[in-house]
Amino acid sequence: MGKRCRLCARSLQARLEDVHQFARGLIYIGTEKMKIRYDARATGHTFNEGDKVWFWNPYQRKGLSPKLQTSWERPYKVLKRLNYVVVRIRKSTNAKPRVVHYDRLASYYGNNT
């Protein structure tokens, strides 16, 4: 290989490194923008013991159009917060408790009976 080819290879390598660094910068900027948008919409609910909540359970029942079905189930009661994002809930006193992520819950604003 001659000197000219080595210079071309080094020049090409330097250009590729510059382009790669530029692309990394754009990816970083895009990531930061997505994080800002996500954080703006994040709920940040804190459910405490005894609170009533709706539970998101998108399973389809047979015999009815999916458009007419609701995915939110009746108010559950929060039994315990297991950590920052995981909650134990129960439908009624005789029902088996469920452990769910807090993103699948929504506050219930009905009567407390």
PDB file of N, CA and C in Angstrom:
ATOM      1  N   MET A   1       0.844  -1.180   0.000  1.00  0.00           N
ATOM      2  CA  MET A   1       0.000   0.000   0.000  1.00  0.00           C
ATOM      3  C   MET A   1       0.889   1.243   0.000  1.00  0.00           C
ATOM      4  N   GLY A   2       0.557   2.205  -0.793  1.00  0.00           N
ATOM      5  CA  GLY A   2       1.353   3.416  -0.900  1.00  0.00           C
ATOM      6  C   GLY A   2       0.969   4.440   0.158  1.00  0.00           C
ATOM      7  N   LYS A   3       1.772   5.502   0.224  1.00  0.00           N
ATOM      8  CA  LYS A   3       1.520   6.570   1.193  1.00  0.00           C
ATOM      9  C   LYS A   3       0.168   7.230   0.942  1.00  0.00           C
ATOM     10  N   ARG A   4      -0.168   7.371  -0.310  1.00  0.00           N
ATOM     11  CA  ARG A   4      -1.436   8.028  -0.644  1.00  0.00           C
ATOM     12  C   ARG A   4      -2.631   7.247  -0.110  1.00  0.00           C
ATOM     13  N   CYS A   5      -2.606   5.924  -0.218  1.00  0.00           N
ATOM     14  CA  CYS A   5      -3.704   5.084   0.272  1.00  0.00           C
ATOM     15  C   CYS A   5      -3.805   5.173   1.788  1.00  0.00           C
ATOM     16  N   ARG A   6      -2.638   5.195   2.467  1.00  0.00           N
ATOM     17  CA  ARG A   6      -2.646   5.316   3.930  1.00  0.00           C
ATOM     18  C   ARG A   6      -3.233   6.647   4.363  1.00  0.00           C
ATOM     19  N   LEU A   7      -2.906   7.711   3.635  1.00  0.00           N
ATOM     20  CA  LEU A   7      -3.457   9.026   3.954  1.00  0.00           C
ATOM     21  C   LEU A   7      -4.962   9.050   3.736  1.00  0.00           C
ATOM     22  N   CYS A   8      -5.416   8.416   2.646  1.00  0.00           N
ATOM     23  CA  CYS A   8      -6.854   8.342   2.378  1.00  0.00           C
ATOM     24  C   CYS A   8      -7.553   7.552   3.482  1.00  0.00           C
ATOM     25  N   ALA A   9      -6.959   6.455   3.911  1.00  0.00           N
ATOM     26  CA  ALA A   9      -7.557   5.629   4.963  1.00  0.00           C
ATOM     27  C   ALA A   9      -7.628   6.407   6.272  1.00  0.00           C
ATOM     28  N   ARG A  10      -6.551   7.118   6.614  1.00  0.00           N
ATOM     29  CA  ARG A  10      -6.558   7.915   7.851  1.00  0.00           C
ATOM     30  C   ARG A  10      -7.583   9.041   7.766  1.00  0.00           C
ATOM     31  N   SER A  11      -7.650   9.667   6.612  1.00  0.00           N
ATOM     32  CA  SER A  11      -8.622  10.742   6.408  1.00  0.00           C
ATOM     33  C   SER A  11     -10.053  10.203   6.540  1.00  0.00           C
ATOM     34  N   LEU A  12     -10.291   9.056   5.923  1.00  0.00           N
ATOM     35  CA  LEU A  12     -11.606   8.442   6.013  1.00  0.00           C
ATOM     36  C   LEU A  12     -11.926   8.060   7.455  1.00  0.00           C
ATOM     37  N   GLN A  13     -10.960   7.499   8.163  1.00  0.00           N
ATOM     38  CA  GLN A  13     -11.168   7.109   9.550  1.00  0.00           C
ATOM     39  C   GLN A  13     -11.475   8.336  10.412  1.00  0.00           C
ATOM     40  N   ALA A  14     -10.772   9.419  10.207  1.00  0.00           N
ATOM     41  CA  ALA A  14     -11.017  10.649  10.969  1.00  0.00           C
ATOM     42  C   ALA A  14     -12.416  11.189  10.672  1.00  0.00           C
ATOM     43  N   ARG A  15     -12.837  11.176   9.403  1.00  0.00           N
ATOM     44  CA  ARG A  15     -14.181  11.646   9.046  1.00  0.00           C
ATOM     45  C   ARG A  15     -15.258  10.772   9.679  1.00  0.00           C
ATOM     46  N   LEU A  16     -15.051   9.457   9.659  1.00  0.00           N
ATOM     47  CA  LEU A  16     -16.016   8.537  10.257  1.00  0.00           C
ATOM     48  C   LEU A  16     -16.129   8.763  11.771  1.00  0.00           C
ATOM     49  N   GLU A  17     -15.003   9.015  12.415  1.00  0.00           N
ATOM     50  CA  GLU A  17     -15.036   9.299  13.852  1.00  0.00           C
ATOM     51  C   GLU A  17     -15.808  10.586  14.139  1.00  0.00           C
ATOM     52  N   ASP A  18     -15.607  11.602  13.299  1.00  0.00           N
ATOM     53  CA  ASP A  18     -16.349  12.857  13.458  1.00  0.00           C
ATOM     54  C   ASP A  18     -17.850  12.647  13.280  1.00  0.00           C
ATOM     55  N   VAL A  19     -18.223  11.896  12.232  1.00  0.00           N
ATOM     56  CA  VAL A  19     -19.635  11.625  11.971  1.00  0.00           C
ATOM     57  C   VAL A  19     -20.235  10.806  13.116  1.00  0.00           C
ATOM     58  N   HIS A  20     -19.483   9.842  13.613  1.00  0.00           N
ATOM     59  CA  HIS A  20     -19.950   9.012  14.716  1.00  0.00           C
ATOM     60  C   HIS A  20     -20.178   9.860  15.964  1.00  0.00           C
ATOM     61  N   GLN A  21     -19.267  10.743  16.260  1.00  0.00           N
ATOM     62  CA  GLN A  21     -19.422  11.626  17.421  1.00  0.00           C
ATOM     63  C   GLN A  21     -20.631  12.542  17.245  1.00  0.00           C
ATOM     64  N   PHE A  22     -20.838  13.048  16.035  1.00  0.00           N
ATOM     65  CA  PHE A  22     -21.991  13.892  15.746  1.00  0.00           C
ATOM     66  C   PHE A  22     -23.293  13.114  15.947  1.00  0.00           C
ATOM     67  N   ALA A  23     -23.331  11.878  15.455  1.00  0.00           N
ATOM     68  CA  ALA A  23     -24.529  11.035  15.610  1.00  0.00           C
ATOM     69  C   ALA A  23     -24.798  10.760  17.086  1.00  0.00           C
ATOM     70  N   ARG A  24     -23.771  10.491  17.861  1.00  0.00           N
ATOM     71  CA  ARG A  24     -23.952  10.280  19.306  1.00  0.00           C
ATOM     72  C   ARG A  24     -24.555  11.505  19.977  1.00  0.00           C
ATOM     73  N   GLY A  25     -24.107  12.672  19.571  1.00  0.00           N
ATOM     74  CA  GLY A  25     -24.660  13.909  20.119  1.00  0.00           C
ATOM     75  C   GLY A  25     -26.144  14.056  19.808  1.00  0.00           C
ATOM     76  N   LEU A  26     -26.535  13.735  18.563  1.00  0.00           N
ATOM     77  CA  LEU A  26     -27.944  13.811  18.193  1.00  0.00           C
ATOM     78  C   LEU A  26     -28.781  12.791  18.955  1.00  0.00           C
ATOM     79  N   ILE A  27     -28.255  11.598  19.143  1.00  0.00           N
ATOM     80  CA  ILE A  27     -28.973  10.575  19.909  1.00  0.00           C
ATOM     81  C   ILE A  27     -29.166  11.034  21.347  1.00  0.00           C
ATOM     82  N   TYR A  28     -28.135  11.632  21.930  1.00  0.00           N
ATOM     83  CA  TYR A  28     -28.239  12.131  23.304  1.00  0.00           C
ATOM     84  C   TYR A  28     -29.316  13.216  23.412  1.00  0.00           C
ATOM     85  N   ILE A  29     -29.334  14.136  22.458  1.00  0.00           N
ATOM     86  CA  ILE A  29     -30.342  15.206  22.466  1.00  0.00           C
ATOM     87  C   ILE A  29     -31.744  14.614  22.335  1.00  0.00           C
ATOM     88  N   GLY A  30     -31.919  13.646  21.436  1.00  0.00           N
ATOM     89  CA  GLY A  30     -33.216  12.992  21.270  1.00  0.00           C
ATOM     90  C   GLY A  30     -33.656  12.271  22.528  1.00  0.00           C
ATOM     91  N   THR A  31     -32.727  11.611  23.185  1.00  0.00           N
ATOM     92  CA  THR A  31     -33.034  10.898  24.428  1.00  0.00           C
ATOM     93  C   THR A  31     -33.483  11.867  25.509  1.00  0.00           C
ATOM     94  N   GLU A  32     -32.814  12.979  25.627  1.00  0.00           N
ATOM     95  CA  GLU A  32     -33.193  13.976  26.631  1.00  0.00           C
ATOM     96  C   GLU A  32     -34.586  14.544  26.348  1.00  0.00           C
ATOM     97  N   LYS A  33     -34.899  14.789  25.077  1.00  0.00           N
ATOM     98  CA  LYS A  33     -36.226  15.297  24.726  1.00  0.00           C
ATOM     99  C   LYS A  33     -37.305  14.281  25.074  1.00  0.00           C
ATOM    100  N   MET A  34     -37.049  12.989  24.779  1.00  0.00           N
ATOM    101  CA  MET A  34     -38.031  11.944  25.111  1.00  0.00           C
ATOM    102  C   MET A  34     -38.234  11.847  26.618  1.00  0.00           C
ATOM    103  N   LYS A  35     -37.169  11.981  27.386  1.00  0.00           N
ATOM    104  CA  LYS A  35     -37.286  11.913  28.844  1.00  0.00           C
ATOM    105  C   LYS A  35     -38.116  13.079  29.373  1.00  0.00           C
ATOM    106  N   ILE A  36     -37.906  14.260  28.828  1.00  0.00           N
ATOM    107  CA  ILE A  36     -38.675  15.429  29.261  1.00  0.00           C
ATOM    108  C   ILE A  36     -40.157  15.226  28.956  1.00  0.00           C
ATOM    109  N   ARG A  37     -40.473  14.710  27.745  1.00  0.00           N
ATOM    110  CA  ARG A  37     -41.873  14.452  27.396  1.00  0.00           C
ATOM    111  C   ARG A  37     -42.491  13.377  28.290  1.00  0.00           C
ATOM    112  N   TYR A  38     -41.739  12.319  28.571  1.00  0.00           N
ATOM    113  CA  TYR A  38     -42.256  11.249  29.433  1.00  0.00           C
ATOM    114  C   TYR A  38     -42.504  11.776  30.838  1.00  0.00           C
ATOM    115  N   ASP A  39     -41.547  12.503  31.383  1.00  0.00           N
ATOM    116  CA  ASP A  39     -41.683  13.028  32.747  1.00  0.00           C
ATOM    117  C   ASP A  39     -42.856  13.990  32.873  1.00  0.00           C
ATOM    118  N   ALA A  40     -43.182  14.702  31.799  1.00  0.00           N
ATOM    119  CA  ALA A  40     -44.304  15.635  31.836  1.00  0.00           C
ATOM    120  C   ALA A  40     -45.630  14.895  31.953  1.00  0.00           C
ATOM    121  N   ARG A  41     -45.722  13.679  31.385  1.00  0.00           N
ATOM    122  CA  ARG A  41     -46.961  12.912  31.422  1.00  0.00           C
ATOM    123  C   ARG A  41     -47.003  11.883  32.548  1.00  0.00           C
ATOM    124  N   ALA A  42     -45.887  11.611  33.206  1.00  0.00           N
ATOM    125  CA  ALA A  42     -45.848  10.579  34.242  1.00  0.00           C
ATOM    126  C   ALA A  42     -46.781  10.971  35.387  1.00  0.00           C
ATOM    127  N   THR A  43     -47.504   9.987  35.888  1.00  0.00           N
ATOM    128  CA  THR A  43     -48.538  10.262  36.885  1.00  0.00           C
ATOM    129  C   THR A  43     -47.947  10.521  38.265  1.00  0.00           C
ATOM    130  N   GLY A  44     -47.080   9.653  38.714  1.00  0.00           N
ATOM    131  CA  GLY A  44     -46.493   9.829  40.030  1.00  0.00           C
ATOM    132  C   GLY A  44     -47.490   9.649  41.163  1.00  0.00           C
ATOM    133  N   HIS A  45     -48.534   8.840  40.943  1.00  0.00           N
ATOM    134  CA  HIS A  45     -49.514   8.602  41.995  1.00  0.00           C
ATOM    135  C   HIS A  45     -48.858   7.923  43.183  1.00  0.00           C
ATOM    136  N   THR A  46     -49.302   8.279  44.338  1.00  0.00           N
ATOM    137  CA  THR A  46     -48.894   7.558  45.536  1.00  0.00           C
ATOM    138  C   THR A  46     -50.161   7.014  46.174  1.00  0.00           C
ATOM    139  N   PHE A  47     -50.324   5.719  46.111  1.00  0.00           N
ATOM    140  CA  PHE A  47     -51.481   5.068  46.697  1.00  0.00           C
ATOM    141  C   PHE A  47     -51.105   4.575  48.081  1.00  0.00           C
ATOM    142  N   ASN A  48     -51.926   4.926  49.058  1.00  0.00           N
ATOM    143  CA  ASN A  48     -51.660   4.522  50.431  1.00  0.00           C
ATOM    144  C   ASN A  48     -52.595   3.394  50.841  1.00  0.00           C
ATOM    145  N   GLU A  49     -52.273   2.745  51.948  1.00  0.00           N
ATOM    146  CA  GLU A  49     -53.099   1.648  52.441  1.00  0.00           C
ATOM    147  C   GLU A  49     -54.505   2.149  52.714  1.00  0.00           C
ATOM    148  N   GLY A  50     -55.491   1.367  52.260  1.00  0.00           N
ATOM    149  CA  GLY A  50     -56.884   1.722  52.472  1.00  0.00           C
ATOM    150  C   GLY A  50     -57.507   2.526  51.342  1.00  0.00           C
ATOM    151  N   ASP A  51     -56.715   3.049  50.417  1.00  0.00           N
ATOM    152  CA  ASP A  51     -57.253   3.817  49.292  1.00  0.00           C
ATOM    153  C   ASP A  51     -58.016   2.899  48.340  1.00  0.00           C
ATOM    154  N   LYS A  52     -59.042   3.456  47.700  1.00  0.00           N
ATOM    155  CA  LYS A  52     -59.774   2.731  46.663  1.00  0.00           C
ATOM    156  C   LYS A  52     -59.193   3.124  45.309  1.00  0.00           C
ATOM    157  N   VAL A  53     -59.015   2.117  44.432  1.00  0.00           N
ATOM    158  CA  VAL A  53     -58.410   2.353  43.121  1.00  0.00           C
ATOM    159  C   VAL A  53     -59.127   1.533  42.051  1.00  0.00           C
ATOM    160  N   TRP A  54     -59.076   2.025  40.811  1.00  0.00           N
ATOM    161  CA  TRP A  54     -59.504   1.258  39.654  1.00  0.00           C
ATOM    162  C   TRP A  54     -58.314   0.433  39.194  1.00  0.00           C
ATOM    163  N   PHE A  55     -58.582  -0.773  38.683  1.00  0.00           N
ATOM    164  CA  PHE A  55     -57.520  -1.662  38.218  1.00  0.00           C
ATOM    165  C   PHE A  55     -57.672  -1.879  36.713  1.00  0.00           C
ATOM    166  N   TRP A  56     -56.612  -1.651  35.941  1.00  0.00           N
ATOM    167  CA  TRP A  56     -56.609  -1.832  34.489  1.00  0.00           C
ATOM    168  C   TRP A  56     -56.338  -3.299  34.181  1.00  0.00           C
ATOM    169  N   ASN A  57     -57.327  -3.982  33.610  1.00  0.00           N
ATOM    170  CA  ASN A  57     -57.198  -5.395  33.265  1.00  0.00           C
ATOM    171  C   ASN A  57     -57.795  -5.596  31.874  1.00  0.00           C
ATOM    172  N   PRO A  58     -57.000  -5.413  30.818  1.00  0.00           N
ATOM    173  CA  PRO A  58     -57.534  -5.431  29.453  1.00  0.00           C
ATOM    174  C   PRO A  58     -57.722  -6.829  28.878  1.00  0.00           C
ATOM    175  N   TYR A  59     -58.507  -7.673  29.539  1.00  0.00           N
ATOM    176  CA  TYR A  59     -58.776  -8.977  28.956  1.00  0.00           C
ATOM    177  C   TYR A  59     -60.156  -8.943  28.310  1.00  0.00           C
ATOM    178  N   GLN A  60     -60.310  -9.644  27.190  1.00  0.00           N
ATOM    179  CA  GLN A  60     -61.552  -9.561  26.423  1.00  0.00           C
ATOM    180  C   GLN A  60     -62.509 -10.681  26.807  1.00  0.00           C
ATOM    181  N   ARG A  61     -63.745 -10.308  27.034  1.00  0.00           N
ATOM    182  CA  ARG A  61     -64.788 -11.269  27.363  1.00  0.00           C
ATOM    183  C   ARG A  61     -65.479 -11.712  26.076  1.00  0.00           C
ATOM    184  N   LYS A  62     -65.839 -12.967  25.993  1.00  0.00           N
ATOM    185  CA  LYS A  62     -66.469 -13.497  24.788  1.00  0.00           C
ATOM    186  C   LYS A  62     -67.917 -13.032  24.693  1.00  0.00           C
ATOM    187  N   GLY A  63     -68.382 -12.872  23.467  1.00  0.00           N
ATOM    188  CA  GLY A  63     -69.774 -12.544  23.234  1.00  0.00           C
ATOM    189  C   GLY A  63     -70.078 -11.059  23.198  1.00  0.00           C
ATOM    190  N   LEU A  64     -69.071 -10.209  23.373  1.00  0.00           N
ATOM    191  CA  LEU A  64     -69.286  -8.769  23.364  1.00  0.00           C
ATOM    192  C   LEU A  64     -68.150  -8.113  22.594  1.00  0.00           C
ATOM    193  N   SER A  65     -68.485  -7.126  21.812  1.00  0.00           N
ATOM    194  CA  SER A  65     -67.474  -6.424  21.023  1.00  0.00           C
ATOM    195  C   SER A  65     -66.425  -5.797  21.944  1.00  0.00           C
ATOM    196  N   PRO A  66     -65.150  -5.887  21.580  1.00  0.00           N
ATOM    197  CA  PRO A  66     -64.104  -5.271  22.403  1.00  0.00           C
ATOM    198  C   PRO A  66     -64.297  -3.764  22.581  1.00  0.00           C
ATOM    199  N   LYS A  67     -64.943  -3.118  21.600  1.00  0.00           N
ATOM    200  CA  LYS A  67     -65.172  -1.679  21.711  1.00  0.00           C
ATOM    201  C   LYS A  67     -66.135  -1.342  22.839  1.00  0.00           C
ATOM    202  N   LEU A  68     -67.014  -2.284  23.162  1.00  0.00           N
ATOM    203  CA  LEU A  68     -68.021  -2.032  24.190  1.00  0.00           C
ATOM    204  C   LEU A  68     -67.589  -2.498  25.572  1.00  0.00           C
ATOM    205  N   GLN A  69     -66.439  -3.127  25.668  1.00  0.00           N
ATOM    206  CA  GLN A  69     -65.962  -3.631  26.954  1.00  0.00           C
ATOM    207  C   GLN A  69     -65.090  -2.591  27.638  1.00  0.00           C
ATOM    208  N   THR A  70     -65.186  -2.553  28.934  1.00  0.00           N
ATOM    209  CA  THR A  70     -64.308  -1.669  29.687  1.00  0.00           C
ATOM    210  C   THR A  70     -63.137  -2.481  30.226  1.00  0.00           C
ATOM    211  N   SER A  71     -61.985  -1.890  30.253  1.00  0.00           N
ATOM    212  CA  SER A  71     -60.805  -2.576  30.770  1.00  0.00           C
ATOM    213  C   SER A  71     -60.544  -2.233  32.227  1.00  0.00           C
ATOM    214  N   TRP A  72     -61.278  -1.280  32.763  1.00  0.00           N
ATOM    215  CA  TRP A  72     -61.100  -0.883  34.161  1.00  0.00           C
ATOM    216  C   TRP A  72     -62.058  -1.695  35.033  1.00  0.00           C
ATOM    217  N   GLU A  73     -61.524  -2.354  36.031  1.00  0.00           N
ATOM    218  CA  GLU A  73     -62.337  -3.163  36.935  1.00  0.00           C
ATOM    219  C   GLU A  73     -62.704  -2.365  38.166  1.00  0.00           C
ATOM    220  N   ARG A  74     -63.788  -2.804  38.775  1.00  0.00           N
ATOM    221  CA  ARG A  74     -64.379  -2.110  39.915  1.00  0.00           C
ATOM    222  C   ARG A  74     -63.350  -1.733  40.964  1.00  0.00           C
ATOM    223  N   PRO A  75     -63.696  -0.864  41.861  1.00  0.00           N
ATOM    224  CA  PRO A  75     -62.717  -0.397  42.851  1.00  0.00           C
ATOM    225  C   PRO A  75     -62.125  -1.520  43.691  1.00  0.00           C
ATOM    226  N   TYR A  76     -60.831  -1.512  43.740  1.00  0.00           N
ATOM    227  CA  TYR A  76     -60.069  -2.409  44.602  1.00  0.00           C
ATOM    228  C   TYR A  76     -59.615  -1.600  45.808  1.00  0.00           C
ATOM    229  N   LYS A  77     -59.214  -2.287  46.844  1.00  0.00           N
ATOM    230  CA  LYS A  77     -58.686  -1.618  48.033  1.00  0.00           C
ATOM    231  C   LYS A  77     -57.190  -1.900  48.111  1.00  0.00           C
ATOM    232  N   VAL A  78     -56.400  -0.862  48.360  1.00  0.00           N
ATOM    233  CA  VAL A  78     -54.952  -1.025  48.498  1.00  0.00           C
ATOM    234  C   VAL A  78     -54.677  -1.609  49.873  1.00  0.00           C
ATOM    235  N   LEU A  79     -54.034  -2.780  49.878  1.00  0.00           N
ATOM    236  CA  LEU A  79     -53.691  -3.424  51.140  1.00  0.00           C
ATOM    237  C   LEU A  79     -52.352  -2.942  51.665  1.00  0.00           C
ATOM    238  N   LYS A  80     -51.370  -2.859  50.741  1.00  0.00           N
ATOM    239  CA  LYS A  80     -50.024  -2.496  51.184  1.00  0.00           C
ATOM    240  C   LYS A  80     -49.191  -2.052  49.988  1.00  0.00           C
ATOM    241  N   ARG A  81     -48.323  -1.083  50.205  1.00  0.00           N
ATOM    242  CA  ARG A  81     -47.329  -0.700  49.198  1.00  0.00           C
ATOM    243  C   ARG A  81     -46.093  -1.536  49.462  1.00  0.00           C
ATOM    244  N   LEU A  82     -45.728  -2.364  48.505  1.00  0.00           N
ATOM    245  CA  LEU A  82     -44.574  -3.241  48.691  1.00  0.00           C
ATOM    246  C   LEU A  82     -43.261  -2.517  48.437  1.00  0.00           C
ATOM    247  N   ASN A  83     -43.267  -1.593  47.515  1.00  0.00           N
ATOM    248  CA  ASN A  83     -42.122  -0.702  47.301  1.00  0.00           C
ATOM    249  C   ASN A  83     -42.645   0.530  46.577  1.00  0.00           C
ATOM    250  N   TYR A  84     -41.779   1.277  45.945  1.00  0.00           N
ATOM    251  CA  TYR A  84     -42.167   2.551  45.339  1.00  0.00           C
ATOM    252  C   TYR A  84     -43.204   2.393  44.232  1.00  0.00           C
ATOM    253  N   VAL A  85     -43.156   1.293  43.462  1.00  0.00           N
ATOM    254  CA  VAL A  85     -44.044   1.149  42.313  1.00  0.00           C
ATOM    255  C   VAL A  85     -44.944  -0.085  42.355  1.00  0.00           C
ATOM    256  N   VAL A  86     -44.789  -0.949  43.318  1.00  0.00           N
ATOM    257  CA  VAL A  86     -45.569  -2.184  43.393  1.00  0.00           C
ATOM    258  C   VAL A  86     -46.531  -2.116  44.571  1.00  0.00           C
ATOM    259  N   VAL A  87     -47.805  -2.505  44.295  1.00  0.00           N
ATOM    260  CA  VAL A  87     -48.867  -2.378  45.291  1.00  0.00           C
ATOM    261  C   VAL A  87     -49.628  -3.701  45.380  1.00  0.00           C
ATOM    262  N   ARG A  88     -50.038  -4.066  46.589  1.00  0.00           N
ATOM    263  CA  ARG A  88     -50.905  -5.240  46.770  1.00  0.00           C
ATOM    264  C   ARG A  88     -52.332  -4.736  46.931  1.00  0.00           C
ATOM    265  N   ILE A  89     -53.261  -5.271  46.089  1.00  0.00           N
ATOM    266  CA  ILE A  89     -54.652  -4.836  46.108  1.00  0.00           C
ATOM    267  C   ILE A  89     -55.570  -6.050  46.259  1.00  0.00           C
ATOM    268  N   ARG A  90     -56.845  -5.774  46.620  1.00  0.00           N
ATOM    269  CA  ARG A  90     -57.827  -6.854  46.740  1.00  0.00           C
ATOM    270  C   ARG A  90     -59.204  -6.299  46.419  1.00  0.00           C
ATOM    271  N   LYS A  91     -60.041  -7.116  45.716  1.00  0.00           N
ATOM    272  CA  LYS A  91     -61.399  -6.716  45.348  1.00  0.00           C
ATOM    273  C   LYS A  91     -62.304  -6.633  46.568  1.00  0.00           C
ATOM    274  N   SER A  92     -62.352  -7.711  47.327  1.00  0.00           N
ATOM    275  CA  SER A  92     -63.211  -7.757  48.510  1.00  0.00           C
ATOM    276  C   SER A  92     -62.489  -8.533  49.609  1.00  0.00           C
ATOM    277  N   THR A  93     -63.095  -8.627  50.759  1.00  0.00           N
ATOM    278  CA  THR A  93     -62.426  -9.272  51.899  1.00  0.00           C
ATOM    279  C   THR A  93     -62.166 -10.754  51.656  1.00  0.00           C
ATOM    280  N   ASN A  94     -62.990 -11.418  50.841  1.00  0.00           N
ATOM    281  CA  ASN A  94     -62.806 -12.851  50.585  1.00  0.00           C
ATOM    282  C   ASN A  94     -61.965 -13.136  49.343  1.00  0.00           C
ATOM    283  N   ALA A  95     -61.673 -12.132  48.540  1.00  0.00           N
ATOM    284  CA  ALA A  95     -60.934 -12.319  47.288  1.00  0.00           C
ATOM    285  C   ALA A  95     -59.439 -12.472  47.554  1.00  0.00           C
ATOM    286  N   LYS A  96     -58.780 -13.124  46.611  1.00  0.00           N
ATOM    287  CA  LYS A  96     -57.330 -13.313  46.708  1.00  0.00           C
ATOM    288  C   LYS A  96     -56.625 -12.001  46.351  1.00  0.00           C
ATOM    289  N   PRO A  97     -55.648 -11.567  47.130  1.00  0.00           N
ATOM    290  CA  PRO A  97     -54.924 -10.321  46.816  1.00  0.00           C
ATOM    291  C   PRO A  97     -54.096 -10.457  45.541  1.00  0.00           C
ATOM    292  N   ARG A  98     -53.881  -9.334  44.863  1.00  0.00           N
ATOM    293  CA  ARG A  98     -53.060  -9.273  43.654  1.00  0.00           C
ATOM    294  C   ARG A  98     -51.930  -8.283  43.878  1.00  0.00           C
ATOM    295  N   VAL A  99     -50.798  -8.575  43.293  1.00  0.00           N
ATOM    296  CA  VAL A  99     -49.657  -7.662  43.336  1.00  0.00           C
ATOM    297  C   VAL A  99     -49.515  -7.071  41.935  1.00  0.00           C
ATOM    298  N   VAL A 100     -49.623  -5.736  41.832  1.00  0.00           N
ATOM    299  CA  VAL A 100     -49.614  -5.071  40.532  1.00  0.00           C
ATOM    300  C   VAL A 100     -48.706  -3.835  40.561  1.00  0.00           C
ATOM    301  N   HIS A 101     -48.304  -3.413  39.376  1.00  0.00           N
ATOM    302  CA  HIS A 101     -47.525  -2.184  39.216  1.00  0.00           C
ATOM    303  C   HIS A 101     -48.480  -0.991  39.309  1.00  0.00           C
ATOM    304  N   TYR A 102     -48.036   0.106  39.886  1.00  0.00           N
ATOM    305  CA  TYR A 102     -48.939   1.238  40.087  1.00  0.00           C
ATOM    306  C   TYR A 102     -49.381   1.902  38.788  1.00  0.00           C
ATOM    307  N   ASP A 103     -48.709   1.637  37.665  1.00  0.00           N
ATOM    308  CA  ASP A 103     -49.152   2.173  36.378  1.00  0.00           C
ATOM    309  C   ASP A 103     -50.486   1.576  35.941  1.00  0.00           C
ATOM    310  N   ARG A 104     -50.870   0.433  36.501  1.00  0.00           N
ATOM    311  CA  ARG A 104     -52.138  -0.206  36.137  1.00  0.00           C
ATOM    312  C   ARG A 104     -53.267   0.222  37.067  1.00  0.00           C
ATOM    313  N   LEU A 105     -53.042   1.229  37.886  1.00  0.00           N
ATOM    314  CA  LEU A 105     -54.046   1.697  38.836  1.00  0.00           C
ATOM    315  C   LEU A 105     -54.401   3.153  38.564  1.00  0.00           C
ATOM    316  N   ALA A 106     -55.639   3.511  38.922  1.00  0.00           N
ATOM    317  CA  ALA A 106     -56.085   4.903  38.839  1.00  0.00           C
ATOM    318  C   ALA A 106     -56.895   5.198  40.090  1.00  0.00           C
ATOM    319  N   SER A 107     -56.842   6.418  40.543  1.00  0.00           N
ATOM    320  CA  SER A 107     -57.569   6.805  41.753  1.00  0.00           C
ATOM    321  C   SER A 107     -59.071   6.647  41.560  1.00  0.00           C
ATOM    322  N   TYR A 108     -59.749   6.229  42.611  1.00  0.00           N
ATOM    323  CA  TYR A 108     -61.198   6.074  42.598  1.00  0.00           C
ATOM    324  C   TYR A 108     -61.787   7.200  43.425  1.00  0.00           C
ATOM    325  N   TYR A 109     -62.708   7.958  42.836  1.00  0.00           N
ATOM    326  CA  TYR A 109     -63.256   9.120  43.513  1.00  0.00           C
ATOM    327  C   TYR A 109     -64.733   8.946  43.877  1.00  0.00           C
ATOM    328  N   GLY A 110     -65.195   7.711  44.022  1.00  0.00           N
ATOM    329  CA  GLY A 110     -66.593   7.463  44.377  1.00  0.00           C
ATOM    330  C   GLY A 110     -66.770   7.484  45.888  1.00  0.00           C
ATOM    331  N   ASN A 111     -67.932   6.995  46.329  1.00  0.00           N
ATOM    332  CA  ASN A 111     -68.157   6.920  47.770  1.00  0.00           C
ATOM    333  C   ASN A 111     -67.318   5.794  48.361  1.00  0.00           C
ATOM    334  N   ASN A 112     -67.032   5.875  49.608  1.00  0.00           N
ATOM    335  CA  ASN A 112     -66.125   4.918  50.253  1.00  0.00           C
ATOM    336  C   ASN A 112     -66.842   3.740  50.897  1.00  0.00           C
ATOM    337  N   THR A 113     -67.993   3.368  50.391  1.00  0.00           N
ATOM    338  CA  THR A 113     -68.696   2.232  50.963  1.00  0.00           C
ATOM    339  C   THR A 113     -68.367   0.965  50.240  1.00  0.00           C
TER     340      THR A 113
END
